[in-house]
Amino acid sequence: MALPSHDTRVTYPDGALVASSRVLHVAPAGGGRVAVITETTSFHPVDAAWPDQPADSGVLRVRGVEHVIHDAVVAATDGETLHLGADIPVRKGTEGWAFLVAHLVDDDAVVAEGDEVEIEADAATRRALSAGHTACHLASLALNRVLADRWSKPAREDALGSPDFDGIAIDTSRIVADGSVDRYRLNKSLRRAGFDTASLADSAEDVGRAVAEQLERWVASGAPVRIERDGDLLTDRRSWVCELPEGAASIPCGGTHLDSLAELSAVVPSFAVVDDGGTPVLEMTTEARRRH
């Protein structure tokens, strides 16, 4: 069977855990795994371009046999070759390429092109990662708001109209179960953009208290959260939207999220300034405490 010519249809943005679909392609993936590509999936994959949220955990079922999905990555093909994860040579959405979700299972799994399969993501893992991702966005908005008066030059704005420190200074972002870790480089380019990096390095504790107070107010609002998307294909634009008291905040995002801040009892940030090869780095660790 030829390589797929269209993007994978994804249902996880709507919260789906289970999808029934047809196998379009099976290919070696190395390390004792094969990549199984289906027409539709409910399984959130790792995106090589911005690998902040890990893949779901779960299983693939075929002919009554259950196979563990060890990982899921974005793949791409030009119709000639299948590229997995970091080996993709083009940007997502490049014309003439199909972008796919590859489910990695053991290479002794008896699964073939044309098989009808069921894919199921683990609910507990999904909810923990969704809580972490929602808290991450909320914390970034709170941090931007608290740091707004430290800019001496105009800067691009975030979803609530604050200077976008998070978007400008972010180095890495990692979503974990019920939390996130974000690193911001306080370097020369940030200073040239008009941000007072020196005062931030000296006042991380004060910043932390102010961010925590803002997060407490937002969590108490119980604001609804939703994913808006242009379509149901992997490369269709998606955004996280939260109806905060100050207005609807919309952030482009391909991850998974809670349905409401009412699912959280608290979002607790902590801050530290560390050295990275002579450059100070602000680390924000966010803990999402869920109601049970």
Protein backbone atom coordinates (compact mmCIF):
# COMPACT_ATOMS: atom_id res chain seq x y z
CA MET A 1 0.00 0.00 0.00
CA ALA A 2 1.28 3.48 -0.85
CA LEU A 3 2.25 5.93 1.85
CA PRO A 4 -0.66 8.08 3.11
CA SER A 5 -1.32 11.22 1.08
CA HIS A 6 -3.32 13.16 3.69
CA ASP A 7 -2.83 14.16 7.31
CA THR A 8 -4.03 12.00 10.18
CA ARG A 9 -7.45 12.94 11.57
CA VAL A 10 -7.11 13.58 15.33
CA THR A 11 -9.86 13.43 17.96
CA TYR A 12 -7.86 14.08 21.16
CA PRO A 13 -8.41 17.87 20.98
CA ASP A 14 -12.07 17.15 21.81
CA GLY A 15 -11.04 14.95 24.75
CA ALA A 16 -11.55 11.61 23.00
CA LEU A 17 -9.64 8.65 24.44
CA VAL A 18 -10.76 5.88 22.07
CA ALA A 19 -10.75 5.75 18.28
CA SER A 20 -11.56 2.97 15.83
CA SER A 21 -9.73 3.25 12.54
CA ARG A 22 -8.03 1.51 9.63
CA VAL A 23 -4.27 0.96 9.41
CA LEU A 24 -2.80 2.85 6.45
CA HIS A 25 0.86 1.97 6.81
CA VAL A 26 3.27 -0.04 8.97
CA ALA A 27 7.00 0.73 8.87
CA PRO A 28 10.14 -0.19 10.85
CA ALA A 29 10.91 2.41 13.53
CA GLY A 30 14.14 1.02 14.99
CA GLY A 31 14.81 -0.14 18.52
CA GLY A 32 12.56 -3.17 18.19
CA ARG A 33 9.51 -1.07 17.24
CA VAL A 34 7.28 -0.55 14.25
CA ALA A 35 5.33 2.60 13.43
CA VAL A 36 1.61 2.04 12.89
CA ILE A 37 -0.20 4.83 11.06
CA THR A 38 -3.98 4.97 11.03
CA GLU A 39 -6.55 7.18 9.33
CA THR A 40 -7.78 8.54 12.68
CA THR A 41 -6.35 8.56 16.18
CA SER A 42 -7.30 9.64 19.69
CA PHE A 43 -3.63 9.43 20.75
CA HIS A 44 -1.69 12.64 21.38
CA PRO A 45 1.83 12.40 19.85
CA VAL A 46 5.10 14.19 20.61
CA ASP A 47 5.74 17.03 18.16
CA ALA A 48 9.43 17.21 17.19
CA ALA A 49 9.21 20.95 16.47
CA TRP A 50 8.00 21.82 20.00
CA PRO A 51 8.12 18.64 22.12
CA ASP A 52 6.65 20.15 25.29
CA GLN A 53 3.90 17.61 25.97
CA PRO A 54 4.78 13.90 26.10
CA ALA A 55 2.76 11.36 24.18
CA ASP A 56 -0.26 9.67 25.70
CA SER A 57 0.16 6.18 27.11
CA GLY A 58 -2.20 3.41 26.02
CA VAL A 59 -2.82 0.47 23.76
CA LEU A 60 -3.65 -0.59 20.21
CA ARG A 61 -6.06 -3.51 19.78
CA VAL A 62 -6.25 -5.64 16.67
CA ARG A 63 -8.16 -8.94 16.23
CA GLY A 64 -8.70 -9.15 19.98
CA VAL A 65 -5.01 -8.75 20.86
CA GLU A 66 -3.80 -5.73 22.85
CA HIS A 67 -0.43 -4.11 22.10
CA VAL A 68 1.20 -1.45 24.28
CA ILE A 69 1.86 1.82 22.46
CA HIS A 70 5.33 2.67 23.75
CA ASP A 71 5.40 6.12 22.17
CA ALA A 72 3.65 8.23 19.55
CA VAL A 73 5.42 10.77 17.35
CA VAL A 74 4.56 13.05 14.48
CA ALA A 75 5.71 11.60 11.16
CA ALA A 76 5.77 13.06 7.65
CA THR A 77 5.97 11.79 4.09
CA ASP A 78 6.33 13.28 0.63
CA GLY A 79 4.91 10.07 -0.83
CA GLU A 80 8.35 8.53 -1.23
CA THR A 81 9.83 8.21 2.28
CA LEU A 82 8.43 8.17 5.79
CA HIS A 83 10.28 10.38 8.29
CA LEU A 84 9.73 10.02 12.03
CA GLY A 85 10.02 12.68 14.71
CA ALA A 86 13.24 14.68 14.68
CA ASP A 87 14.13 13.24 11.26
CA ILE A 88 11.35 15.22 9.54
CA PRO A 89 13.19 17.56 7.11
CA VAL A 90 10.41 20.13 6.59
CA ARG A 91 8.14 22.34 8.66
CA LYS A 92 4.74 21.00 9.66
CA GLY A 93 2.16 21.94 7.04
CA THR A 94 4.61 22.08 4.12
CA GLU A 95 2.73 21.74 0.83
CA GLY A 96 3.05 18.36 -0.82
CA TRP A 97 3.69 16.55 2.47
CA ALA A 98 1.34 14.52 4.65
CA PHE A 99 1.75 14.80 8.43
CA LEU A 100 0.81 11.75 10.44
CA VAL A 101 0.65 10.24 13.91
CA ALA A 102 2.91 7.19 14.21
CA HIS A 103 2.08 4.78 17.05
CA LEU A 104 5.17 2.80 18.08
CA VAL A 105 4.53 -0.80 19.12
CA ASP A 106 6.74 -3.88 19.45
CA ASP A 107 7.93 -5.16 16.09
CA ASP A 108 6.47 -8.60 16.76
CA ALA A 109 2.95 -7.17 16.86
CA VAL A 110 0.78 -8.81 14.20
CA VAL A 111 -0.68 -5.71 12.57
CA ALA A 112 -0.85 -4.94 8.86
CA GLU A 113 -2.07 -2.35 6.40
CA GLY A 114 -5.84 -2.54 6.03
CA ASP A 115 -6.46 -3.91 9.54
CA GLU A 116 -9.27 -2.40 11.57
CA VAL A 117 -7.89 -1.42 14.97
CA GLU A 118 -8.93 0.33 18.17
CA ILE A 119 -6.64 2.85 19.83
CA GLU A 120 -7.16 3.78 23.48
CA ALA A 121 -5.29 6.42 25.46
CA ASP A 122 -5.03 5.97 29.23
CA ALA A 123 -7.47 8.33 30.96
CA ALA A 124 -5.38 8.97 34.10
CA THR A 125 -2.24 9.86 32.14
CA ARG A 126 -4.22 12.12 29.79
CA ARG A 127 -5.87 14.01 32.65
CA ALA A 128 -2.59 14.54 34.51
CA LEU A 129 -0.86 15.90 31.42
CA SER A 130 -3.89 18.03 30.53
CA ALA A 131 -3.84 19.54 34.01
CA GLY A 132 -0.14 20.30 33.66
CA HIS A 133 -0.62 21.94 30.26
CA THR A 134 -3.56 24.08 31.35
CA ALA A 135 -1.61 25.22 34.42
CA CYS A 136 1.40 26.01 32.23
CA HIS A 137 -0.59 28.41 30.04
CA LEU A 138 -2.22 30.01 33.04
CA ALA A 139 1.13 30.52 34.77
CA SER A 140 2.67 32.07 31.67
CA LEU A 141 -0.13 34.65 31.50
CA ALA A 142 0.25 35.41 35.22
CA LEU A 143 4.02 35.80 34.84
CA ASN A 144 3.59 38.17 31.89
CA ARG A 145 1.16 40.29 33.90
CA VAL A 146 3.44 40.51 36.95
CA LEU A 147 6.48 41.45 34.82
CA ALA A 148 4.66 44.03 32.68
CA ASP A 149 6.25 47.05 34.40
CA ARG A 150 9.82 45.79 33.79
CA TRP A 151 9.78 46.68 30.08
CA SER A 152 11.24 50.02 28.95
CA LYS A 153 10.35 49.50 25.28
CA PRO A 154 7.15 48.35 23.55
CA ALA A 155 6.97 44.56 23.24
CA ARG A 156 4.55 42.22 21.51
CA GLU A 157 1.57 41.42 23.69
CA ASP A 158 0.15 38.18 25.01
CA ALA A 159 -3.46 37.01 24.88
CA LEU A 160 -4.47 39.41 27.67
CA GLY A 161 -2.55 42.44 26.43
CA SER A 162 0.53 42.18 28.68
CA PRO A 163 4.04 42.29 27.22
CA ASP A 164 4.76 38.69 26.25
CA PHE A 165 7.80 37.84 28.39
CA ASP A 166 6.93 34.14 28.10
CA GLY A 167 6.83 34.14 24.32
CA ILE A 168 9.92 36.32 23.91
CA ALA A 169 12.24 34.79 26.54
CA ILE A 170 11.19 31.13 26.53
CA ASP A 171 14.02 28.65 26.01
CA THR A 172 12.32 25.33 26.81
CA SER A 173 8.95 24.23 28.12
CA ARG A 174 8.20 20.76 29.45
CA ILE A 175 4.78 19.47 30.45
CA VAL A 176 4.78 16.80 33.16
CA ALA A 177 2.02 15.02 35.03
CA ASP A 178 0.19 17.74 36.98
CA GLY A 179 2.73 20.41 36.22
CA SER A 180 5.28 22.03 33.96
CA VAL A 181 8.83 23.39 33.92
CA ASP A 182 9.61 26.51 31.86
CA ARG A 183 13.06 28.04 31.35
CA TYR A 184 13.61 31.67 30.31
CA ARG A 185 17.02 33.00 29.21
CA LEU A 186 17.75 36.44 30.69
CA ASN A 187 20.28 37.25 27.98
CA LYS A 188 21.60 40.27 26.07
CA SER A 189 18.92 40.10 23.39
CA LEU A 190 16.21 40.32 26.06
CA ARG A 191 17.94 43.34 27.60
CA ARG A 192 18.22 44.99 24.19
CA ALA A 193 14.48 44.42 23.75
CA GLY A 194 13.96 46.61 26.79
CA PHE A 195 13.50 44.09 29.61
CA ASP A 196 15.15 44.71 33.00
CA THR A 197 16.83 41.34 33.53
CA ALA A 198 18.96 42.51 36.48
CA SER A 199 16.02 43.39 38.68
CA LEU A 200 14.30 40.09 37.91
CA ALA A 201 17.34 38.07 38.96
CA ASP A 202 17.34 39.91 42.28
CA SER A 203 13.61 39.63 43.01
CA ALA A 204 12.55 36.11 42.03
CA GLU A 205 10.85 35.55 45.39
CA ASP A 206 8.71 38.70 45.09
CA VAL A 207 7.79 37.76 41.53
CA GLY A 208 6.82 34.29 42.70
CA ARG A 209 4.48 35.66 45.37
CA ALA A 210 2.78 38.01 42.92
CA VAL A 211 2.34 35.27 40.30
CA ALA A 212 0.90 32.92 42.94
CA GLU A 213 -1.63 35.56 44.02
CA GLN A 214 -2.76 36.11 40.42
CA LEU A 215 -3.09 32.37 39.84
CA GLU A 216 -5.14 31.99 43.01
CA ARG A 217 -7.65 34.56 41.73
CA TRP A 218 -7.92 32.92 38.32
CA VAL A 219 -8.33 29.40 39.68
CA ALA A 220 -11.05 30.66 42.05
CA SER A 221 -12.98 31.96 39.03
CA GLY A 222 -13.54 28.38 37.77
CA ALA A 223 -13.21 29.72 34.23
CA PRO A 224 -14.22 27.36 31.41
CA VAL A 225 -11.53 26.09 29.03
CA ARG A 226 -11.97 24.88 25.46
CA ILE A 227 -9.97 24.01 22.36
CA GLU A 228 -10.89 25.88 19.20
CA ARG A 229 -9.67 24.40 15.92
CA ASP A 230 -9.92 25.09 12.22
CA GLY A 231 -10.42 21.42 11.35
CA ASP A 232 -9.85 17.85 12.52
CA LEU A 233 -6.52 17.15 10.79
CA LEU A 234 -3.21 17.01 12.65
CA THR A 235 -1.89 20.20 11.05
CA ASP A 236 -5.07 22.27 11.40
CA ARG A 237 -4.58 25.27 13.67
CA ARG A 238 -5.74 24.77 17.28
CA SER A 239 -5.91 27.19 20.20
CA TRP A 240 -6.40 26.94 23.96
CA VAL A 241 -9.09 29.36 25.09
CA CYS A 242 -9.82 30.22 28.72
CA GLU A 243 -12.67 32.59 29.69
CA LEU A 244 -10.82 34.48 32.41
CA PRO A 245 -12.45 37.38 34.31
CA GLU A 246 -10.31 39.84 32.30
CA GLY A 247 -11.54 38.33 29.03
CA ALA A 248 -11.02 35.30 26.82
CA ALA A 249 -7.35 34.34 26.54
CA SER A 250 -6.44 32.44 23.37
CA ILE A 251 -3.04 30.77 22.89
CA PRO A 252 -2.06 28.62 19.88
CA CYS A 253 -1.55 25.09 21.20
CA GLY A 254 -1.58 21.52 19.92
CA GLY A 255 -1.78 19.86 23.32
CA THR A 256 -4.56 18.52 25.55
CA HIS A 257 -6.28 20.39 28.37
CA LEU A 258 -8.83 20.35 31.17
CA ASP A 259 -12.37 21.60 30.47
CA SER A 260 -12.43 24.11 33.32
CA LEU A 261 -10.28 25.75 35.98
CA ALA A 262 -12.88 24.41 38.42
CA GLU A 263 -11.11 21.05 38.06
CA LEU A 264 -8.13 22.60 39.88
CA SER A 265 -7.85 23.41 43.57
CA ALA A 266 -4.66 25.43 43.04
CA VAL A 267 -1.84 26.24 40.64
CA VAL A 268 1.36 26.69 42.63
CA PRO A 269 4.44 28.24 40.98
CA SER A 270 8.02 28.28 42.23
CA PHE A 271 10.94 30.24 40.80
CA ALA A 272 14.71 29.97 40.75
CA VAL A 273 17.46 31.78 38.85
CA VAL A 274 20.24 29.43 37.71
CA ASP A 275 23.38 29.88 35.63
CA ASP A 276 23.63 28.33 32.17
CA GLY A 277 27.11 28.87 30.77
CA GLY A 278 27.29 32.41 32.09
CA THR A 279 23.69 33.33 31.16
CA PRO A 280 21.15 33.61 33.97
CA VAL A 281 18.05 31.49 33.41
CA LEU A 282 14.74 31.93 35.20
CA GLU A 283 13.10 28.56 35.93
CA MET A 284 9.39 28.47 36.65
CA THR A 285 8.09 25.17 38.01
CA THR A 286 4.31 24.96 38.12
CA GLU A 287 2.30 22.45 40.15
CA ALA A 288 -1.32 21.79 39.16
CA ARG A 289 -3.32 20.52 42.12
CA ARG A 290 -6.48 18.80 40.96
CA ARG A 291 -9.75 18.35 42.78
CA HIS A 292 -10.55 14.67 43.29
